[in-house]
Protein backbone atom coordinates (compact mmCIF):
# COMPACT_ATOMS: atom_id res chain seq x y z
CA GLU A 1 -36.11 -163.14 -61.49
CA PHE A 2 -36.55 -160.03 -59.36
CA ALA A 3 -40.20 -160.83 -58.68
CA ALA A 4 -39.28 -164.41 -57.80
CA ALA A 5 -36.64 -163.17 -55.37
CA LEU A 6 -39.23 -160.94 -53.68
CA LEU A 7 -41.59 -163.88 -53.28
CA GLN A 8 -38.85 -166.07 -51.81
CA SER A 9 -38.00 -163.35 -49.29
CA THR A 10 -41.53 -163.29 -47.89
CA PRO A 11 -40.82 -165.44 -44.78
CA ALA A 12 -37.80 -163.34 -43.82
CA ILE A 13 -39.63 -160.05 -44.35
CA ASN A 14 -42.60 -161.22 -42.30
CA MET A 15 -40.31 -161.99 -39.36
CA LEU A 16 -38.88 -158.48 -39.18
CA PRO A 17 -39.61 -156.75 -35.83
CA ASP A 18 -42.22 -153.98 -35.81
CA GLU A 19 -39.61 -151.28 -35.15
CA CYS A 20 -37.51 -152.29 -38.18
CA GLU A 21 -37.51 -149.54 -40.83
CA SER A 22 -37.81 -151.79 -43.87
CA SER A 23 -38.27 -150.06 -47.24
CA PHE A 24 -38.82 -150.75 -50.93
CA ARG A 25 -37.89 -148.09 -53.50
CA PHE A 26 -38.74 -148.27 -57.21
CA HIS A 27 -37.39 -145.30 -59.17
CA ASN A 28 -37.25 -144.57 -62.90
CA VAL A 29 -37.81 -148.19 -63.92
CA GLN A 30 -39.25 -149.13 -67.31
CA LEU A 31 -41.46 -152.21 -67.35
CA ASN A 32 -43.76 -153.87 -69.81
CA HIS A 33 -47.24 -154.77 -68.60
CA ASP A 34 -46.50 -158.41 -67.80
CA ALA A 35 -43.35 -157.56 -65.80
CA MET A 36 -45.26 -154.91 -63.88
CA LEU A 37 -47.95 -157.41 -62.87
CA LEU A 38 -45.32 -159.90 -61.70
CA ILE A 39 -43.65 -157.34 -59.43
CA LYS A 40 -46.99 -156.06 -58.20
CA GLU A 41 -48.07 -159.55 -57.14
CA ALA A 42 -44.71 -160.08 -55.45
CA LEU A 43 -45.20 -156.87 -53.40
CA ILE A 44 -48.81 -157.50 -52.40
CA GLY A 45 -48.98 -157.95 -48.64
CA LYS A 46 -45.26 -157.34 -48.06
CA PRO A 47 -44.97 -155.46 -44.72
CA PHE A 48 -42.53 -152.77 -45.80
CA ARG A 49 -42.69 -149.68 -43.58
CA THR A 50 -41.67 -147.38 -46.46
CA LEU A 51 -42.72 -147.60 -50.10
CA SER A 52 -41.38 -145.28 -52.78
CA PHE A 53 -42.43 -145.22 -56.42
CA THR A 54 -41.23 -142.22 -58.45
CA ASN A 55 -41.35 -141.33 -62.11
CA ASN A 56 -42.99 -144.59 -63.15
CA ASP A 57 -46.41 -143.72 -64.57
CA ASN A 58 -46.75 -140.75 -66.91
CA GLY A 59 -50.46 -141.23 -67.40
CA GLU A 60 -50.19 -142.65 -70.92
CA ASP A 61 -51.92 -145.84 -72.05
CA ASP A 62 -48.61 -147.68 -71.85
CA PRO A 63 -47.04 -146.62 -68.52
CA ALA A 64 -43.27 -146.48 -68.25
CA GLY A 65 -43.17 -148.51 -65.05
CA MET A 66 -45.44 -149.33 -62.13
CA SER A 67 -48.91 -147.93 -62.82
CA VAL A 68 -50.74 -145.88 -60.19
CA ASP A 69 -53.47 -148.55 -60.07
CA ALA A 70 -50.85 -151.16 -59.22
CA ILE A 71 -49.23 -148.88 -56.63
CA VAL A 72 -52.55 -148.28 -54.88
CA ASP A 73 -53.24 -152.03 -54.84
CA ILE A 74 -49.86 -152.60 -53.16
CA VAL A 75 -50.47 -149.80 -50.65
CA GLU A 76 -53.91 -151.08 -49.71
CA SER A 77 -52.49 -154.55 -49.01
CA ASN A 78 -49.76 -153.32 -46.65
CA LYS A 79 -51.14 -152.74 -43.16
CA ARG A 80 -47.72 -151.88 -41.69
CA LEU A 81 -47.01 -149.06 -44.14
CA ARG A 82 -46.09 -145.73 -42.51
CA LYS A 83 -44.28 -143.75 -45.23
CA LEU A 84 -45.35 -143.46 -48.86
CA GLU A 85 -43.84 -141.61 -51.82
CA ILE A 86 -45.50 -141.54 -55.24
CA GLY A 87 -43.53 -138.70 -56.80
CA ARG A 88 -43.83 -137.74 -60.47
CA ASN A 89 -46.56 -140.29 -61.20
CA ARG A 90 -49.73 -139.00 -62.85
CA ILE A 91 -52.49 -139.60 -60.30
CA GLY A 92 -56.03 -139.28 -61.64
CA ARG A 93 -59.18 -138.17 -59.86
CA ASP A 94 -60.38 -141.78 -59.70
CA HIS A 95 -57.42 -142.65 -57.44
CA ILE A 96 -58.02 -139.91 -54.86
CA GLU A 97 -60.63 -141.64 -52.68
CA ARG A 98 -58.62 -144.87 -52.54
CA LEU A 99 -55.40 -143.06 -51.63
CA CYS A 100 -57.05 -140.99 -48.90
CA SER A 101 -58.65 -144.11 -47.45
CA ALA A 102 -55.29 -145.89 -47.38
CA VAL A 103 -53.62 -142.91 -45.68
CA ARG A 104 -56.23 -142.97 -42.92
CA THR A 105 -56.60 -146.71 -42.36
CA HIS A 106 -52.86 -147.40 -42.45
CA ALA A 107 -52.06 -144.47 -40.14
CA LEU A 108 -49.42 -143.08 -42.50
CA VAL A 109 -47.07 -140.52 -40.95
CA GLU A 110 -45.33 -139.37 -44.17
CA LEU A 111 -46.85 -138.82 -47.61
CA ASP A 112 -45.01 -137.41 -50.64
CA LEU A 113 -47.10 -136.79 -53.76
CA SER A 114 -44.72 -134.39 -55.54
CA ASN A 115 -45.66 -133.43 -59.10
CA CYS A 116 -48.50 -135.91 -59.43
CA PHE A 117 -51.62 -133.89 -60.22
CA GLU A 118 -52.94 -131.92 -63.15
CA PRO A 119 -54.91 -128.68 -62.46
CA GLY A 120 -57.96 -129.35 -60.32
CA ASN A 121 -56.89 -132.79 -59.18
CA GLY A 122 -54.29 -131.45 -56.74
CA ASP A 123 -56.94 -129.31 -55.05
CA ALA A 124 -59.32 -132.27 -54.93
CA MET A 125 -56.68 -134.52 -53.35
CA LEU A 126 -55.67 -131.99 -50.71
CA THR A 127 -59.29 -131.17 -49.82
CA SER A 128 -60.23 -134.83 -49.49
CA LEU A 129 -57.13 -135.57 -47.43
CA LEU A 130 -57.56 -132.70 -44.96
CA THR A 131 -61.30 -133.09 -44.44
CA SER A 132 -61.49 -136.87 -44.17
CA GLY A 133 -60.77 -137.03 -40.43
CA GLY A 134 -58.44 -139.36 -38.56
CA LEU A 135 -55.35 -138.02 -40.30
CA LYS A 136 -52.09 -138.87 -38.51
CA LEU A 137 -49.66 -137.42 -41.03
CA GLU A 138 -46.57 -135.66 -39.68
CA LYS A 139 -45.14 -134.84 -43.11
CA LEU A 140 -47.05 -133.94 -46.28
CA VAL A 141 -45.39 -133.02 -49.57
CA MET A 142 -47.60 -131.52 -52.32
CA PHE A 143 -44.77 -129.93 -54.28
CA SER A 144 -45.68 -128.71 -57.80
CA ASN A 145 -49.27 -129.97 -57.80
CA ASN A 146 -51.17 -126.91 -59.06
CA ILE A 147 -52.59 -126.17 -55.59
CA THR A 148 -54.74 -123.02 -55.78
CA SER A 149 -56.91 -120.66 -53.73
CA ALA A 150 -59.73 -123.19 -53.96
CA VAL A 151 -58.25 -125.04 -50.96
CA SER A 152 -56.83 -122.13 -48.93
CA THR A 153 -59.74 -121.99 -46.46
CA VAL A 154 -59.71 -125.76 -45.95
CA LEU A 155 -55.93 -125.68 -45.49
CA ALA A 156 -56.08 -122.79 -43.02
CA ASP A 157 -58.85 -124.43 -40.98
CA PHE A 158 -56.85 -127.65 -40.87
CA LEU A 159 -53.68 -125.94 -39.62
CA ALA A 160 -55.63 -123.90 -37.05
CA SER A 161 -56.97 -127.14 -35.57
CA ASN A 162 -53.42 -127.98 -34.42
CA PRO A 163 -53.07 -131.35 -36.18
CA ARG A 164 -50.06 -133.68 -35.86
CA LEU A 165 -48.52 -132.30 -39.04
CA LYS A 166 -44.92 -131.10 -38.51
CA GLU A 167 -43.82 -130.50 -42.10
CA LEU A 168 -45.82 -129.18 -45.07
CA ASP A 169 -44.35 -128.63 -48.54
CA LEU A 170 -46.37 -126.51 -50.98
CA GLU A 171 -43.49 -125.29 -53.15
CA GLU A 172 -44.07 -124.44 -56.82
CA ASP A 173 -47.86 -124.32 -56.47
CA ASN A 174 -50.29 -121.49 -57.29
CA LEU A 175 -50.99 -119.87 -53.91
CA ASN A 176 -51.21 -116.07 -53.65
CA ASP A 177 -51.08 -113.33 -51.01
CA SER A 178 -54.67 -113.87 -49.89
CA ASP A 179 -54.03 -117.56 -49.40
CA VAL A 180 -50.88 -116.83 -47.40
CA ALA A 181 -52.82 -114.40 -45.18
CA LEU A 182 -55.22 -117.22 -44.24
CA ILE A 183 -52.34 -119.63 -43.61
CA ALA A 184 -50.50 -117.03 -41.54
CA ASN A 185 -53.55 -116.44 -39.37
CA ALA A 186 -53.82 -120.20 -38.79
CA LEU A 187 -50.20 -120.27 -37.60
CA ARG A 188 -51.14 -117.97 -34.71
CA SER A 189 -52.81 -120.90 -32.96
CA ASN A 190 -50.74 -123.73 -34.42
CA THR A 191 -48.10 -125.19 -32.09
CA THR A 192 -47.10 -128.29 -34.05
CA LEU A 193 -46.02 -127.29 -37.58
CA ARG A 194 -42.21 -126.96 -37.66
CA THR A 195 -41.56 -126.44 -41.38
CA LEU A 196 -43.67 -124.74 -44.04
CA ARG A 197 -42.32 -124.51 -47.60
CA LEU A 198 -43.98 -121.94 -49.87
CA ASN A 199 -41.16 -121.10 -52.25
CA GLU A 200 -42.02 -120.39 -55.90
CA ASN A 201 -45.68 -119.46 -55.38
CA ASN A 202 -47.40 -116.20 -56.41
CA ILE A 203 -46.42 -114.43 -53.20
CA THR A 204 -45.44 -110.76 -53.16
CA LYS A 205 -44.25 -108.43 -50.41
CA VAL A 206 -47.81 -108.31 -49.09
CA GLY A 207 -47.81 -112.05 -48.43
CA LYS A 208 -44.34 -111.93 -46.92
CA GLU A 209 -45.48 -109.26 -44.48
CA SER A 210 -48.47 -111.38 -43.39
CA LEU A 211 -46.09 -114.17 -42.48
CA ARG A 212 -43.54 -111.88 -40.84
CA LEU A 213 -46.16 -110.43 -38.50
CA VAL A 214 -47.04 -113.92 -37.34
CA LEU A 215 -43.44 -115.05 -36.89
CA PHE A 216 -42.03 -111.84 -35.40
CA ASP A 217 -44.43 -108.99 -34.66
CA GLU A 218 -42.21 -106.18 -33.34
CA SER A 219 -45.04 -103.75 -32.52
CA SER A 220 -44.71 -104.49 -28.79
CA LEU A 221 -43.08 -106.88 -26.35
CA ASN A 222 -46.42 -108.62 -25.89
CA ALA A 223 -46.81 -109.02 -29.66
CA VAL A 224 -43.33 -110.52 -29.90
CA ALA A 225 -44.07 -112.92 -27.05
CA ASP A 226 -47.33 -114.00 -28.72
CA SER A 227 -45.72 -114.66 -32.11
CA ASN A 228 -45.27 -118.15 -33.54
CA HIS A 229 -41.91 -119.44 -32.27
CA ILE A 230 -41.72 -122.95 -33.73
CA CYS A 231 -42.49 -122.76 -37.46
CA THR A 232 -39.76 -122.07 -40.01
CA VAL A 233 -41.16 -120.73 -43.29
CA ASP A 234 -39.19 -121.27 -46.49
CA LEU A 235 -39.92 -118.58 -49.05
CA GLY A 236 -36.52 -118.59 -50.63
CA TRP A 237 -35.40 -115.59 -48.58
CA LYS A 238 -32.93 -116.07 -45.77
CA ALA A 239 -34.66 -113.52 -43.53
CA PHE A 240 -37.52 -115.95 -42.91
CA ASP A 241 -35.21 -118.83 -42.05
CA VAL A 242 -33.70 -117.13 -38.99
CA TYR A 243 -36.89 -116.29 -37.07
CA ASN A 244 -37.36 -119.78 -35.62
CA SER A 245 -34.01 -121.36 -36.34
CA HIS A 246 -33.68 -123.10 -32.96
CA GLU A 247 -35.57 -126.34 -32.36
CA GLN A 248 -36.82 -125.03 -29.00
CA GLY A 249 -39.58 -122.47 -29.32
CA GLN A 250 -38.79 -120.91 -25.94
CA ILE A 251 -35.27 -120.02 -27.10
CA ASN A 252 -36.62 -118.48 -30.32
CA ARG A 253 -39.00 -116.42 -28.18
CA CYS A 254 -36.13 -115.19 -25.99
CA ARG A 255 -34.05 -114.25 -29.02
CA LYS A 256 -36.86 -112.20 -30.53
CA ILE A 257 -37.60 -110.35 -27.30
CA TYR A 258 -33.94 -109.51 -26.84
CA SER A 259 -33.73 -108.40 -30.48
CA LEU A 260 -36.55 -105.91 -29.91
CA LEU A 261 -34.99 -104.64 -26.69
CA SER A 262 -31.66 -104.25 -28.50
CA SER A 263 -33.08 -102.33 -31.46
CA ARG A 264 -34.92 -99.94 -29.12
CA ASN A 265 -31.80 -99.50 -27.01
CA GLU A 266 -29.94 -98.04 -29.99
CA THR A 267 -32.19 -94.97 -29.68
CA MET A 268 -32.69 -95.34 -25.93
CA SER A 269 -36.41 -95.74 -26.55
CA ASN A 270 -37.20 -98.82 -24.45
CA VAL A 271 -38.45 -96.72 -21.53
CA GLN A 272 -41.05 -95.09 -23.77
CA HIS A 273 -42.79 -98.45 -24.05
CA PHE A 274 -42.75 -99.43 -20.38
CA GLY A 275 -45.58 -97.14 -19.28
CA ASN A 276 -46.22 -96.55 -15.61
CA ILE A 277 -44.55 -99.73 -14.39
CA ASP A 278 -44.15 -100.02 -10.63
CA LEU A 279 -40.62 -99.95 -9.22
CA LYS A 280 -41.24 -103.40 -7.71
CA ILE A 281 -41.08 -104.87 -11.21
CA LEU A 282 -37.50 -103.64 -11.74
CA PRO A 283 -35.72 -106.80 -10.46
CA ILE A 284 -37.90 -108.97 -12.69
CA MET A 285 -37.12 -106.85 -15.77
CA LEU A 286 -33.40 -106.92 -15.08
CA GLU A 287 -33.47 -110.68 -14.63
CA ALA A 288 -35.37 -111.03 -17.90
CA VAL A 289 -32.77 -109.04 -19.83
CA GLN A 290 -30.02 -111.35 -18.59
CA LYS A 291 -32.11 -114.41 -19.32
CA TYR A 292 -32.88 -113.42 -22.90
CA ALA A 293 -29.27 -112.46 -23.56
CA LYS A 294 -28.10 -116.00 -22.73
CA ASN A 295 -29.98 -117.38 -25.72
CA VAL A 296 -28.63 -114.95 -28.31
CA ASN A 297 -25.56 -116.06 -30.25
CA PHE A 298 -24.34 -112.64 -31.37
CA LEU A 299 -25.08 -109.70 -29.11
CA GLU A 300 -24.95 -106.43 -31.05
CA VAL A 301 -26.18 -104.66 -27.91
CA LYS A 302 -24.75 -105.87 -24.61
CA PRO A 303 -27.18 -106.65 -21.76
CA LEU A 304 -25.50 -104.05 -19.55
CA LEU A 305 -26.56 -101.27 -21.92
CA ILE A 306 -30.18 -102.36 -21.71
CA VAL A 307 -29.89 -102.68 -17.91
CA TYR A 308 -28.50 -99.14 -17.79
CA GLU A 309 -31.40 -97.83 -19.85
CA VAL A 310 -34.01 -99.64 -17.74
CA MET A 311 -32.53 -98.42 -14.45
CA ARG A 312 -32.41 -94.83 -15.69
CA LYS A 313 -36.20 -94.82 -15.88
CA TRP A 314 -36.45 -95.06 -12.11
CA GLY A 315 -33.34 -93.02 -11.40
CA VAL A 316 -31.63 -95.97 -9.74
CA GLY A 317 -27.91 -95.59 -9.07
CA ASN A 318 -25.49 -92.77 -9.88
CA PHE A 319 -24.86 -92.65 -13.63
CA GLU A 320 -22.87 -89.44 -13.61
CA THR A 321 -19.59 -91.18 -12.71
């Protein structure tokens, strides 16, 4: 009856405008083989913008619901598809090429393959996806897919190329500190990735420090300014969430610069880092302090204190009264 209803709805679905966010979601459904084929045929060619199939195929001879083969057939037939989720379905190596081809040819913008791959297959899928060319994904979820160091160079090269990708989820995989160092270096030139999830990997303090230096390098004002100001990294520690918490990178940059000026002001050490700066630059520096202060929510050090310290360097004004 459900398959028949889908078939009868075909004319209405085909008349939906292109901007309509139509979706079909199939979660935790048990089907026998004949029922699965009926629903598959009913979904073939249906122009849903979003398809979601989760926890349907456990890889056994008698799948619990919609098989991965059937899902791929449905995906390949839908030229309007933009978002695809195949979470907790056992995807084999023989499906990888077909899936990657569908992602490219259908111009998918979101792909969620959470907990789908056994060891080796997750690496193969990610490598094929990132090296195939023409990728338009803005969101990629590879949560709990046994991703390892075998793909870290490919992943880093992909991110360094500044692709469209805005969100990448690699939680509960098998990446280590060396892998994170490569990813962190790629983030130095990446201006598109907004969210990177790396929680529950094999990352120690060494890996955390690699990321921190990219997100907020406090060694100098220039280093702070050149840090990555748009990507929020989720490692399960709150300290990483605050570095780029604002959606505007310029505001994050201002906050970090003011934070460094504030911490140095506590020991009156800002002037030690200014070098032989010409007096003509003083108005610009004072304006900058005020500008950065406007984008900080909680000012532990008031701008006037930093202004006072800066002006003392040139002996401007009478500070004895």
